[in-house]
C-alpha atoms as a PDB file:
ATOM      1  CA  UNK A   1      41.945  92.691 -98.927  1.00  0.00           C
ATOM      2  CA  UNK A   2      41.015  91.738 -95.205  1.00  0.00           C
ATOM      3  CA  UNK A   3      38.551  93.383 -93.119  1.00  0.00           C
ATOM      4  CA  UNK A   4      39.371  93.870 -89.608  1.00  0.00           C
ATOM      5  CA  UNK A   5      38.609  90.877 -87.373  1.00  0.00           C
ATOM      6  CA  UNK A   6      36.217  91.208 -84.581  1.00  0.00           C
ATOM      7  CA  UNK A   7      37.572  91.123 -81.434  1.00  0.00           C
ATOM      8  CA  UNK A   8      35.277  89.326 -78.189  1.00  0.00           C
ATOM      9  CA  UNK A   9      35.465  89.742 -74.883  1.00  0.00           C
ATOM     10  CA  UNK A  10      35.794  86.272 -72.466  1.00  0.00           C
ATOM     11  CA  UNK A  11      33.283  86.768 -70.758  1.00  0.00           C
ATOM     12  CA  UNK A  12      30.820  84.064 -69.235  1.00  0.00           C
ATOM     13  CA  UNK A  13      28.019  84.715 -71.300  1.00  0.00           C
ATOM     14  CA  UNK A  14      29.908  84.784 -74.314  1.00  0.00           C
ATOM     15  CA  UNK A  15      32.009  81.854 -73.543  1.00  0.00           C
ATOM     16  CA  UNK A  16      28.194  80.081 -72.910  1.00  0.00           C
ATOM     17  CA  UNK A  17      27.241  81.714 -76.076  1.00  0.00           C
ATOM     18  CA  UNK A  18      29.873  79.992 -78.210  1.00  0.00           C
ATOM     19  CA  UNK A  19      29.265  76.626 -76.483  1.00  0.00           C
ATOM     20  CA  UNK A  20      25.589  76.503 -77.256  1.00  0.00           C
ATOM     21  CA  UNK A  21      26.758  76.970 -81.110  1.00  0.00           C
ATOM     22  CA  UNK A  22      27.870  73.038 -81.651  1.00  0.00           C
ATOM     23  CA  UNK A  23      24.182  71.425 -79.561  1.00  0.00           C
ATOM     24  CA  UNK A  24      22.656  74.327 -82.055  1.00  0.00           C
ATOM     25  CA  UNK A  25      24.037  72.539 -84.455  1.00  0.00           C
ATOM     26  CA  UNK A  26      21.427  69.771 -84.685  1.00  0.00           C
ATOM     27  CA  UNK A  27      18.082  72.258 -84.599  1.00  0.00           C
ATOM     28  CA  UNK A  28      15.900  71.165 -88.176  1.00  0.00           C
ATOM     29  CA  UNK A  29      14.617  73.190 -90.425  1.00  0.00           C
ATOM     30  CA  UNK A  30      12.450  71.243 -92.701  1.00  0.00           C
ATOM     31  CA  UNK A  31      11.838  72.700 -95.736  1.00  0.00           C
ATOM     32  CA  UNK A  32       7.936  72.216 -97.288  1.00  0.00           C
ATOM     33  CA  UNK A  33       7.658  69.609 -99.277  1.00  0.00           C
ATOM     34  CA  UNK A  34       6.435  71.884-101.830  1.00  0.00           C
ATOM     35  CA  UNK A  35       9.705  73.851-101.804  1.00  0.00           C
ATOM     36  CA  UNK A  36      11.941  71.063-102.185  1.00  0.00           C
ATOM     37  CA  UNK A  37       9.565  69.477-105.284  1.00  0.00           C
ATOM     38  CA  UNK A  38      10.616  72.215-106.694  1.00  0.00           C
ATOM     39  CA  UNK A  39      13.876  73.279-106.061  1.00  0.00           C
ATOM     40  CA  UNK A  40      15.172  68.969-107.349  1.00  0.00           C
ATOM     41  CA  UNK A  41      12.111  69.052-110.121  1.00  0.00           C
ATOM     42  CA  UNK A  42      10.685  65.400-108.651  1.00  0.00           C
ATOM     43  CA  UNK A  43       7.708  64.066-110.120  1.00  0.00           C
ATOM     44  CA  UNK A  44       4.354  65.065-108.005  1.00  0.00           C
ATOM     45  CA  UNK A  45       4.727  61.034-106.738  1.00  0.00           C
ATOM     46  CA  UNK A  46       7.771  62.051-105.207  1.00  0.00           C
ATOM     47  CA  UNK A  47       8.450  61.987-101.324  1.00  0.00           C
ATOM     48  CA  UNK A  48      11.459  63.884 -99.991  1.00  0.00           C
ATOM     49  CA  UNK A  49      12.300  65.678 -96.860  1.00  0.00           C
ATOM     50  CA  UNK A  50      15.076  66.922 -96.224  1.00  0.00           C
ATOM     51  CA  UNK A  51      16.109  68.855 -92.862  1.00  0.00           C
ATOM     52  CA  UNK A  52      18.672  71.464 -92.511  1.00  0.00           C
ATOM     53  CA  UNK A  53      19.837  72.913 -89.064  1.00  0.00           C
ATOM     54  CA  UNK A  54      18.832  76.739 -88.362  1.00  0.00           C
ATOM     55  CA  UNK A  55      21.786  79.379 -88.053  1.00  0.00           C
ATOM     56  CA  UNK A  56      21.922  79.896 -83.862  1.00  0.00           C
ATOM     57  CA  UNK A  57      19.378  82.945 -83.254  1.00  0.00           C
ATOM     58  CA  UNK A  58      22.803  85.134 -81.605  1.00  0.00           C
ATOM     59  CA  UNK A  59      24.866  84.442 -84.669  1.00  0.00           C
ATOM     60  CA  UNK A  60      22.391  85.581 -86.974  1.00  0.00           C
ATOM     61  CA  UNK A  61      21.551  88.453 -85.141  1.00  0.00           C
ATOM     62  CA  UNK A  62      25.406  89.387 -85.754  1.00  0.00           C
ATOM     63  CA  UNK A  63      24.891  89.315 -89.738  1.00  0.00           C
ATOM     64  CA  UNK A  64      24.737  92.301 -91.596  1.00  0.00           C
ATOM     65  CA  UNK A  65      20.707  92.519 -92.751  1.00  0.00           C
ATOM     66  CA  UNK A  66      20.474  95.879 -94.007  1.00  0.00           C
ATOM     67  CA  UNK A  67      23.386  97.208 -96.370  1.00  0.00           C
ATOM     68  CA  UNK A  68      23.537  96.092 -99.795  1.00  0.00           C
ATOM     69  CA  UNK A  69      25.065  92.984-101.106  1.00  0.00           C
ATOM     70  CA  UNK A  70      25.474  93.711-104.794  1.00  0.00           C
ATOM     71  CA  UNK A  71      29.062  94.474-105.512  1.00  0.00           C
ATOM     72  CA  UNK A  72      30.275  94.449-102.013  1.00  0.00           C
ATOM     73  CA  UNK A  73      33.483  92.430-103.080  1.00  0.00           C
ATOM     74  CA  UNK A  74      36.989  93.454-105.111  1.00  0.00           C
ATOM     75  CA  UNK A  75      37.271  92.669-108.189  1.00  0.00           C
ATOM     76  CA  UNK A  76      39.730  89.667-108.935  1.00  0.00           C
ATOM     77  CA  UNK A  77      41.346  88.111-111.981  1.00  0.00           C
ATOM     78  CA  UNK A  78      42.397  84.936-110.611  1.00  0.00           C
ATOM     79  CA  UNK A  79      41.395  83.237-107.525  1.00  0.00           C
ATOM     80  CA  UNK A  80      44.260  80.760-105.992  1.00  0.00           C
ATOM     81  CA  UNK A  81      43.045  77.746-103.305  1.00  0.00           C
ATOM     82  CA  UNK A  82      45.985  76.364-101.853  1.00  0.00           C
ATOM     83  CA  UNK A  83      45.615  73.084-100.208  1.00  0.00           C
ATOM     84  CA  UNK A  84      45.458  72.344 -96.202  1.00  0.00           C
ATOM     85  CA  UNK A  85      43.226  69.806 -95.934  1.00  0.00           C
ATOM     86  CA  UNK A  86      40.822  70.078 -92.635  1.00  0.00           C
ATOM     87  CA  UNK A  87      42.989  70.603 -90.423  1.00  0.00           C
ATOM     88  CA  UNK A  88      42.324  71.485 -87.035  1.00  0.00           C
ATOM     89  CA  UNK A  89      43.882  71.800 -83.317  1.00  0.00           C
ATOM     90  CA  UNK A  90      43.344  69.401 -81.079  1.00  0.00           C
ATOM     91  CA  UNK A  91      41.681  70.814 -78.795  1.00  0.00           C
ATOM     92  CA  UNK A  92      38.888  72.061 -81.076  1.00  0.00           C
ATOM     93  CA  UNK A  93      35.449  70.078 -81.395  1.00  0.00           C
ATOM     94  CA  UNK A  94      35.741  68.797 -85.058  1.00  0.00           C
ATOM     95  CA  UNK A  95      32.522  71.183 -86.263  1.00  0.00           C
ATOM     96  CA  UNK A  96      35.394  73.733 -85.772  1.00  0.00           C
ATOM     97  CA  UNK A  97      37.523  71.723 -88.399  1.00  0.00           C
ATOM     98  CA  UNK A  98      38.323  75.096 -90.691  1.00  0.00           C
ATOM     99  CA  UNK A  99      40.753  76.564 -87.504  1.00  0.00           C
ATOM    100  CA  UNK A 100      43.455  78.477 -90.028  1.00  0.00           C
ATOM    101  CA  UNK A 101      45.546  81.150 -88.495  1.00  0.00           C
ATOM    102  CA  UNK A 102      43.519  84.691 -88.267  1.00  0.00           C
ATOM    103  CA  UNK A 103      46.109  86.148 -90.786  1.00  0.00           C
ATOM    104  CA  UNK A 104      48.254  84.962 -92.909  1.00  0.00           C
ATOM    105  CA  UNK A 105      50.978  86.508 -90.563  1.00  0.00           C
ATOM    106  CA  UNK A 106      50.188  83.781 -88.426  1.00  0.00           C
ATOM    107  CA  UNK A 107      50.374  81.238 -90.659  1.00  0.00           C
ATOM    108  CA  UNK A 108      54.463  81.269 -89.938  1.00  0.00           C
ATOM    109  CA  UNK A 109      53.613  79.802 -86.754  1.00  0.00           C
ATOM    110  CA  UNK A 110      52.699  76.649 -89.074  1.00  0.00           C
ATOM    111  CA  UNK A 111      55.453  76.268 -91.567  1.00  0.00           C
ATOM    112  CA  UNK A 112      58.894  74.330 -91.065  1.00  0.00           C
ATOM    113  CA  UNK A 113      59.226  75.601 -87.689  1.00  0.00           C
ATOM    114  CA  UNK A 114      56.029  73.586 -86.620  1.00  0.00           C
ATOM    115  CA  UNK A 115      57.512  70.575 -86.577  1.00  0.00           C
ATOM    116  CA  UNK A 116      60.252  71.260 -83.622  1.00  0.00           C
ATOM    117  CA  UNK A 117      57.342  72.897 -81.703  1.00  0.00           C
ATOM    118  CA  UNK A 118      54.771  70.326 -82.198  1.00  0.00           C
ATOM    119  CA  UNK A 119      56.126  67.481 -82.805  1.00  0.00           C
ATOM    120  CA  UNK A 120      54.830  65.084 -85.826  1.00  0.00           C
ATOM    121  CA  UNK A 121      51.263  66.148 -84.701  1.00  0.00           C
ATOM    122  CA  UNK A 122      50.983  69.980 -85.109  1.00  0.00           C
ATOM    123  CA  UNK A 123      47.228  71.200 -84.145  1.00  0.00           C
ATOM    124  CA  UNK A 124      47.796  72.789 -87.698  1.00  0.00           C
ATOM    125  CA  UNK A 125      49.337  72.660 -90.753  1.00  0.00           C
ATOM    126  CA  UNK A 126      49.245  75.270 -93.537  1.00  0.00           C
ATOM    127  CA  UNK A 127      49.187  72.924 -96.026  1.00  0.00           C
ATOM    128  CA  UNK A 128      51.627  70.167 -97.083  1.00  0.00           C
ATOM    129  CA  UNK A 129      54.624  73.338 -97.932  1.00  0.00           C
ATOM    130  CA  UNK A 130      56.795  72.655 -96.032  1.00  0.00           C
ATOM    131  CA  UNK A 131      58.419  76.164 -97.239  1.00  0.00           C
ATOM    132  CA  UNK A 132      55.702  78.860 -95.089  1.00  0.00           C
ATOM    133  CA  UNK A 133      53.766  79.730 -98.034  1.00  0.00           C
ATOM    134  CA  UNK A 134      52.833  83.157 -96.905  1.00  0.00           C
ATOM    135  CA  UNK A 135      56.276  84.419 -96.114  1.00  0.00           C
ATOM    136  CA  UNK A 136      56.933  83.864-100.024  1.00  0.00           C
ATOM    137  CA  UNK A 137      53.626  85.217-101.116  1.00  0.00           C
ATOM    138  CA  UNK A 138      53.805  88.168-102.611  1.00  0.00           C
ATOM    139  CA  UNK A 139      50.445  88.548-105.002  1.00  0.00           C
ATOM    140  CA  UNK A 140      49.765  91.014-107.524  1.00  0.00           C
ATOM    141  CA  UNK A 141      46.427  92.934-105.707  1.00  0.00           C
ATOM    142  CA  UNK A 142      44.568  91.685-107.764  1.00  0.00           C
ATOM    143  CA  UNK A 143      44.644  88.177-107.282  1.00  0.00           C
ATOM    144  CA  UNK A 144      43.257  86.415-104.406  1.00  0.00           C
ATOM    145  CA  UNK A 145      44.665  83.812-102.096  1.00  0.00           C
ATOM    146  CA  UNK A 146      42.888  81.949 -99.858  1.00  0.00           C
ATOM    147  CA  UNK A 147      43.458  78.348 -97.996  1.00  0.00           C
ATOM    148  CA  UNK A 148      41.660  75.153 -99.035  1.00  0.00           C
ATOM    149  CA  UNK A 149      40.393  72.255 -97.207  1.00  0.00           C
ATOM    150  CA  UNK A 150      40.971  70.111-100.451  1.00  0.00           C
ATOM    151  CA  UNK A 151      43.255  67.245 -99.389  1.00  0.00           C
ATOM    152  CA  UNK A 152      46.313  66.427-100.943  1.00  0.00           C
ATOM    153  CA  UNK A 153      49.357  64.535-100.597  1.00  0.00           C
ATOM    154  CA  UNK A 154      51.388  66.744-101.851  1.00  0.00           C
ATOM    155  CA  UNK A 155      51.664  70.436-102.406  1.00  0.00           C
ATOM    156  CA  UNK A 156      48.574  71.465-104.056  1.00  0.00           C
ATOM    157  CA  UNK A 157      46.859  74.817-105.936  1.00  0.00           C
ATOM    158  CA  UNK A 158      43.419  74.914-107.829  1.00  0.00           C
ATOM    159  CA  UNK A 159      43.311  78.355-110.102  1.00  0.00           C
ATOM    160  CA  UNK A 160      40.262  79.884-110.454  1.00  0.00           C
ATOM    161  CA  UNK A 161      38.566  81.098-113.115  1.00  0.00           C
ATOM    162  CA  UNK A 162      41.564  79.203-115.903  1.00  0.00           C
ATOM    163  CA  UNK A 163      39.921  75.956-114.205  1.00  0.00           C
ATOM    164  CA  UNK A 164      43.343  74.629-113.727  1.00  0.00           C
ATOM    165  CA  UNK A 165      45.145  72.119-111.191  1.00  0.00           C
ATOM    166  CA  UNK A 166      48.641  72.771-109.717  1.00  0.00           C
ATOM    167  CA  UNK A 167      50.474  70.025-108.416  1.00  0.00           C
ATOM    168  CA  UNK A 168      53.814  70.388-107.609  1.00  0.00           C
ATOM    169  CA  UNK A 169      56.110  67.422-108.071  1.00  0.00           C
ATOM    170  CA  UNK A 170      57.944  67.689-105.413  1.00  0.00           C
ATOM    171  CA  UNK A 171      56.779  67.066-101.817  1.00  0.00           C
ATOM    172  CA  UNK A 172      59.035  69.710-100.336  1.00  0.00           C
ATOM    173  CA  UNK A 173      59.330  72.777-102.824  1.00  0.00           C
ATOM    174  CA  UNK A 174      62.120  74.492-102.199  1.00  0.00           C
ATOM    175  CA  UNK A 175      61.460  78.285-101.412  1.00  0.00           C
ATOM    176  CA  UNK A 176      62.942  79.482-104.516  1.00  0.00           C
ATOM    177  CA  UNK A 177      60.103  77.234-106.540  1.00  0.00           C
ATOM    178  CA  UNK A 178      57.863  78.664-104.517  1.00  0.00           C
ATOM    179  CA  UNK A 179      58.767  82.509-105.508  1.00  0.00           C
ATOM    180  CA  UNK A 180      59.067  81.598-109.172  1.00  0.00           C
ATOM    181  CA  UNK A 181      55.704  80.109-108.951  1.00  0.00           C
ATOM    182  CA  UNK A 182      54.249  82.801-107.768  1.00  0.00           C
ATOM    183  CA  UNK A 183      55.890  84.850-109.889  1.00  0.00           C
ATOM    184  CA  UNK A 184      54.573  83.473-113.109  1.00  0.00           C
ATOM    185  CA  UNK A 185      51.392  82.675-111.917  1.00  0.00           C
ATOM    186  CA  UNK A 186      50.224  85.665-109.485  1.00  0.00           C
ATOM    187  CA  UNK A 187      50.018  88.370-111.745  1.00  0.00           C
ATOM    188  CA  UNK A 188      46.737  88.811-113.628  1.00  0.00           C
ATOM    189  CA  UNK A 189      46.711  89.732-117.011  1.00  0.00           C
ATOM    190  CA  UNK A 190      49.732  87.416-118.384  1.00  0.00           C
ATOM    191  CA  UNK A 191      50.299  83.500-119.494  1.00  0.00           C
ATOM    192  CA  UNK A 192      52.741  82.090-117.075  1.00  0.00           C
ATOM    193  CA  UNK A 193      55.928  80.915-118.264  1.00  0.00           C
ATOM    194  CA  UNK A 194      56.370  76.419-118.378  1.00  0.00           C
ATOM    195  CA  UNK A 195      57.777  75.553-115.080  1.00  0.00           C
ATOM    196  CA  UNK A 196      59.533  72.173-114.998  1.00  0.00           C
ATOM    197  CA  UNK A 197      59.162  71.353-110.971  1.00  0.00           C
ATOM    198  CA  UNK A 198      55.070  71.511-111.148  1.00  0.00           C
ATOM    199  CA  UNK A 199      52.363  70.385-113.392  1.00  0.00           C
ATOM    200  CA  UNK A 200      49.089  72.255-114.785  1.00  0.00           C
ATOM    201  CA  UNK A 201      46.162  69.931-115.087  1.00  0.00           C
ATOM    202  CA  UNK A 202      43.171  71.005-116.400  1.00  0.00           C
ATOM    203  CA  UNK A 203      39.996  70.255-114.375  1.00  0.00           C
ATOM    204  CA  UNK A 204      37.375  68.162-115.674  1.00  0.00           C
ATOM    205  CA  UNK A 205      34.947  69.824-118.095  1.00  0.00           C
ATOM    206  CA  UNK A 206      32.424  69.492-115.690  1.00  0.00           C
ATOM    207  CA  UNK A 207      33.871  70.461-112.784  1.00  0.00           C
ATOM    208  CA  UNK A 208      31.906  72.874-110.381  1.00  0.00           C
ATOM    209  CA  UNK A 209      33.215  74.089-107.501  1.00  0.00           C
ATOM    210  CA  UNK A 210      32.201  75.855-104.581  1.00  0.00           C
ATOM    211  CA  UNK A 211      33.746  77.360-101.174  1.00  0.00           C
ATOM    212  CA  UNK A 212      32.531  78.763 -98.155  1.00  0.00           C
ATOM    213  CA  UNK A 213      33.962  80.931 -95.939  1.00  0.00           C
ATOM    214  CA  UNK A 214      34.361  78.829 -92.691  1.00  0.00           C
ATOM    215  CA  UNK A 215      37.308  80.543 -91.173  1.00  0.00           C
ATOM    216  CA  UNK A 216      36.438  80.713 -87.552  1.00  0.00           C
ATOM    217  CA  UNK A 217      39.368  82.097 -86.636  1.00  0.00           C
ATOM    218  CA  UNK A 218      39.292  85.086 -88.205  1.00  0.00           C
ATOM    219  CA  UNK A 219      35.473  85.657 -87.425  1.00  0.00           C
ATOM    220  CA  UNK A 220      32.767  83.705 -85.446  1.00  0.00           C
ATOM    221  CA  UNK A 221      30.079  84.546 -87.804  1.00  0.00           C
ATOM    222  CA  UNK A 222      31.857  82.898 -90.541  1.00  0.00           C
ATOM    223  CA  UNK A 223      33.214  79.642 -88.962  1.00  0.00           C
ATOM    224  CA  UNK A 224      29.321  78.985 -87.512  1.00  0.00           C
ATOM    225  CA  UNK A 225      27.640  79.199 -90.680  1.00  0.00           C
ATOM    226  CA  UNK A 226      30.487  78.246 -92.996  1.00  0.00           C
ATOM    227  CA  UNK A 227      30.670  74.900 -90.997  1.00  0.00           C
ATOM    228  CA  UNK A 228      26.636  74.267 -90.809  1.00  0.00           C
ATOM    229  CA  UNK A 229      26.698  75.045 -94.888  1.00  0.00           C
ATOM    230  CA  UNK A 230      29.976  72.805 -95.981  1.00  0.00           C
ATOM    231  CA  UNK A 231      28.254  70.024 -94.415  1.00  0.00           C
ATOM    232  CA  UNK A 232      24.333  70.541 -95.249  1.00  0.00           C
ATOM    233  CA  UNK A 233      25.389  70.991 -99.041  1.00  0.00           C
ATOM    234  CA  UNK A 234      27.368  68.493 -99.040  1.00  0.00           C
ATOM    235  CA  UNK A 235      24.738  66.120 -97.415  1.00  0.00           C
ATOM    236  CA  UNK A 236      21.930  67.679 -99.914  1.00  0.00           C
ATOM    237  CA  UNK A 237      24.406  67.158-102.914  1.00  0.00           C
ATOM    238  CA  UNK A 238      24.664  63.260-101.816  1.00  0.00           C
ATOM    239  CA  UNK A 239      20.842  62.827-101.102  1.00  0.00           C
ATOM    240  CA  UNK A 240      19.905  64.331-103.761  1.00  0.00           C
ATOM    241  CA  UNK A 241      22.326  62.595-106.943  1.00  0.00           C
ATOM    242  CA  UNK A 242      19.829  59.824-107.562  1.00  0.00           C
ATOM    243  CA  UNK A 243      16.513  61.579-107.554  1.00  0.00           C
ATOM    244  CA  UNK A 244      18.206  64.673-110.614  1.00  0.00           C
ATOM    245  CA  UNK A 245      20.402  63.234-113.351  1.00  0.00           C
ATOM    246  CA  UNK A 246      22.002  66.778-113.431  1.00  0.00           C
ATOM    247  CA  UNK A 247      23.389  66.486-110.522  1.00  0.00           C
ATOM    248  CA  UNK A 248      25.050  63.098-111.373  1.00  0.00           C
ATOM    249  CA  UNK A 249      25.998  64.323-114.496  1.00  0.00           C
ATOM    250  CA  UNK A 250      28.326  67.282-112.640  1.00  0.00           C
ATOM    251  CA  UNK A 251      31.179  66.771-110.737  1.00  0.00           C
ATOM    252  CA  UNK A 252      30.835  68.842-107.389  1.00  0.00           C
ATOM    253  CA  UNK A 253      33.082  69.822-104.599  1.00  0.00           C
ATOM    254  CA  UNK A 254      32.552  71.303-101.505  1.00  0.00           C
ATOM    255  CA  UNK A 255      35.575  73.420-100.291  1.00  0.00           C
ATOM    256  CA  UNK A 256      36.144  75.322 -96.695  1.00  0.00           C
ATOM    257  CA  UNK A 257      38.527  78.330 -97.301  1.00  0.00           C
ATOM    258  CA  UNK A 258      39.958  80.795 -95.639  1.00  0.00           C
ATOM    259  CA  UNK A 259      39.090  84.384 -95.632  1.00  0.00           C
ATOM    260  CA  UNK A 260      37.371  86.171 -98.748  1.00  0.00           C
ATOM    261  CA  UNK A 261      35.961  89.976 -97.443  1.00  0.00           C
ATOM    262  CA  UNK A 262      32.615  90.649 -95.748  1.00  0.00           C
ATOM    263  CA  UNK A 263      32.526  88.843 -92.729  1.00  0.00           C
ATOM    264  CA  UNK A 264      29.602  90.466 -92.158  1.00  0.00           C
ATOM    265  CA  UNK A 265      27.530  89.364 -94.517  1.00  0.00           C
ATOM    266  CA  UNK A 266      28.228  85.514 -93.462  1.00  0.00           C
ATOM    267  CA  UNK A 267      27.645  82.516 -95.398  1.00  0.00           C
ATOM    268  CA  UNK A 268      29.887  83.334 -98.108  1.00  0.00           C
ATOM    269  CA  UNK A 269      30.117  81.039-101.239  1.00  0.00           C
ATOM    270  CA  UNK A 270      32.392  81.734-104.442  1.00  0.00           C
ATOM    271  CA  UNK A 271      31.009  79.142-106.827  1.00  0.00           C
ATOM    272  CA  UNK A 272      32.919  78.578-110.341  1.00  0.00           C
ATOM    273  CA  UNK A 273      31.307  76.615-112.909  1.00  0.00           C
ATOM    274  CA  UNK A 274      32.639  75.316-116.701  1.00  0.00           C
ATOM    275  CA  UNK A 275      33.220  77.622-118.555  1.00  0.00           C
ATOM    276  CA  UNK A 276      33.003  80.782-116.661  1.00  0.00           C
ATOM    277  CA  UNK A 277      34.959  84.073-116.890  1.00  0.00           C
ATOM    278  CA  UNK A 278      34.263  84.657-113.041  1.00  0.00           C
ATOM    279  CA  UNK A 279      33.122  83.208-110.063  1.00  0.00           C
ATOM    280  CA  UNK A 280      29.742  83.989-108.437  1.00  0.00           C
ATOM    281  CA  UNK A 281      29.887  85.836-104.817  1.00  0.00           C
ATOM    282  CA  UNK A 282      27.054  84.666-102.306  1.00  0.00           C
ATOM    283  CA  UNK A 283      26.404  85.970 -99.120  1.00  0.00           C
ATOM    284  CA  UNK A 284      23.944  86.022 -96.708  1.00  0.00           C
ATOM    285  CA  UNK A 285      22.920  82.307 -97.575  1.00  0.00           C
ATOM    286  CA  UNK A 286      21.608  79.767 -95.040  1.00  0.00           C
ATOM    287  CA  UNK A 287      21.475  76.103 -95.068  1.00  0.00           C
ATOM    288  CA  UNK A 288      17.823  76.484 -95.798  1.00  0.00           C
ATOM    289  CA  UNK A 289      18.703  78.735 -99.134  1.00  0.00           C
ATOM    290  CA  UNK A 290      20.691  75.177-100.320  1.00  0.00           C
ATOM    291  CA  UNK A 291      17.868  73.652-102.999  1.00  0.00           C
ATOM    292  CA  UNK A 292      17.322  77.283-104.518  1.00  0.00           C
ATOM    293  CA  UNK A 293      20.722  77.978-104.610  1.00  0.00           C
ATOM    294  CA  UNK A 294      21.859  74.172-106.355  1.00  0.00           C
ATOM    295  CA  UNK A 295      19.053  74.718-108.681  1.00  0.00           C
ATOM    296  CA  UNK A 296      19.258  78.063-109.912  1.00  0.00           C
ATOM    297  CA  UNK A 297      23.457  78.039-110.002  1.00  0.00           C
ATOM    298  CA  UNK A 298      25.247  74.804-109.472  1.00  0.00           C
ATOM    299  CA  UNK A 299      22.843  73.673-111.804  1.00  0.00           C
ATOM    300  CA  UNK A 300      20.519  75.805-114.239  1.00  0.00           C
ATOM    301  CA  UNK A 301      24.343  78.768-114.063  1.00  0.00           C
ATOM    302  CA  UNK A 302      22.020  81.476-113.425  1.00  0.00           C
ATOM    303  CA  UNK A 303      22.050  84.208-110.883  1.00  0.00           C
ATOM    304  CA  UNK A 304      19.687  84.470-107.688  1.00  0.00           C
ATOM    305  CA  UNK A 305      19.775  88.494-107.334  1.00  0.00           C
ATOM    306  CA  UNK A 306      19.477  88.422-103.429  1.00  0.00           C
ATOM    307  CA  UNK A 307      22.285  86.590-102.193  1.00  0.00           C
ATOM    308  CA  UNK A 308      24.504  88.798-105.304  1.00  0.00           C
ATOM    309  CA  UNK A 309      27.727  90.661-103.979  1.00  0.00           C
ATOM    310  CA  UNK A 310      29.557  89.985-107.752  1.00  0.00           C
ATOM    311  CA  UNK A 311      30.725  87.803-110.634  1.00  0.00           C
ATOM    312  CA  UNK A 312      28.828  87.499-114.193  1.00  0.00           C
ATOM    313  CA  UNK A 313      29.744  84.395-115.738  1.00  0.00           C
ATOM    314  CA  UNK A 314      30.614  86.356-118.908  1.00  0.00           C
ATOM    315  CA  UNK A 315      33.328  87.981-116.816  1.00  0.00           C
ATOM    316  CA  UNK A 316      31.833  91.090-117.598  1.00  0.00           C
ATOM    317  CA  UNK A 317      31.334  92.375-114.326  1.00  0.00           C
ATOM    318  CA  UNK A 318      33.110  95.275-112.791  1.00  0.00           C
ATOM    319  CA  UNK A 319      32.105  96.768-109.291  1.00  0.00           C
ATOM    320  CA  UNK A 320      32.941 100.590-110.599  1.00  0.00           C
ATOM    321  CA  UNK A 321      29.630  99.428-112.600  1.00  0.00           C
ATOM    322  CA  UNK A 322      27.671  99.567-109.486  1.00  0.00           C
ATOM    323  CA  UNK A 323      24.824  96.967-111.033  1.00  0.00           C
ATOM    324  CA  UNK A 324      21.712  96.277-109.258  1.00  0.00           C
ATOM    325  CA  UNK A 325      21.111  92.657-108.047  1.00  0.00           C
ATOM    326  CA  UNK A 326      18.052  92.504-110.277  1.00  0.00           C
ATOM    327  CA  UNK A 327      20.321  93.748-113.512  1.00  0.00           C
ATOM    328  CA  UNK A 328      23.115  91.097-112.712  1.00  0.00           C
ATOM    329  CA  UNK A 329      20.153  88.485-112.058  1.00  0.00           C
ATOM    330  CA  UNK A 330      18.725  89.776-115.618  1.00  0.00           C
ATOM    331  CA  UNK A 331      22.100  89.834-117.194  1.00  0.00           C
ATOM    332  CA  UNK A 332      23.119  86.670-116.360  1.00  0.00           C
ATOM    333  CA  UNK A 333      20.042  84.618-117.755  1.00  0.00           C
ATOM    334  CA  UNK A 334      20.554  86.129-120.926  1.00  0.00           C
ATOM    335  CA  UNK A 335      24.045  85.564-121.569  1.00  0.00           C
ATOM    336  CA  UNK A 336      22.817  81.732-120.446  1.00  0.00           C
ATOM    337  CA  UNK A 337      19.892  81.609-123.613  1.00  0.00           C
ATOM    338  CA  UNK A 338      22.699  83.884-125.800  1.00  0.00           C
ATOM    339  CA  UNK A 339      24.963  81.008-124.793  1.00  0.00           C
ATOM    340  CA  UNK A 340      22.040  78.191-125.584  1.00  0.00           C
ATOM    341  CA  UNK A 341      21.142  79.802-129.034  1.00  0.00           C
ATOM    342  CA  UNK A 342      24.789  80.038-129.951  1.00  0.00           C
ATOM    343  CA  UNK A 343      25.643  76.603-129.613  1.00  0.00           C
ATOM    344  CA  UNK A 344      21.941  75.647-131.209  1.00  0.00           C
ATOM    345  CA  UNK A 345      23.217  77.280-134.143  1.00  0.00           C
END
């Protein structure tokens, strides 16, 4: 599941390059009015300007632009996103807020012992779990586990494509409770038993959740591009709410998340819409691509082939098929039309 992280030297040039990232965030990319108008379906009398930041050139050069994106992810039956909030060490700039440890093995440094080491203000918390989650974690191989920037005062986990929110009733679940939860839920092909120490609530029927890999400690490409995508998409959706009524009808949330695989294809995102049986994975996304993705995937429920890494709304995707991005785009469109016809009958 995890790719080998990039290890960088400590040359002066490398340090200076990384220091330039924050200053480059503000460099704008202005969408032509015609493109913006088409993406949001404005009336011809509308005048809208939205500026997106450019990805720093030295980071963009390290993104793999040659290998095909299609079928470049594993097939996961479930995705568990464990809430951790947007924690980051005090020594880091706020732009690097999604600074989870590089691997789950390192999470233990920020488990129960973190209070003894750092006092009341540890530089990072895995989540509200006092028991170290990574130590207990023993998921099925076809289950994906990530940390999420979702804020929660009690231990909370989102489960996809079930579209559920699981909350522990205690702010300090015990290790046996977490292990029992994992035993029941972190398997792919059976219904879990009822547990008296958690509540299970369905997500709103109009919920659209977008996870963007921003795991800087794992790979700086996702750290830089992921941060730009998260802030840009949140701002874009906020500014577009009054223009496009379809955005108002949906409960759209954008989260940063830890490693999802394929850092060389940054920026990476996974999108979950209501009634989808698989998440749709995208790679090589830049801030300037946000209007197209919002229009086609978030709002319409179709696929943009040039970003597609895997997943179909119907759930009938398997990387072993090796379907092309064009095929995936066509299938998603056909499935959407079939669903509309079925509803009309």
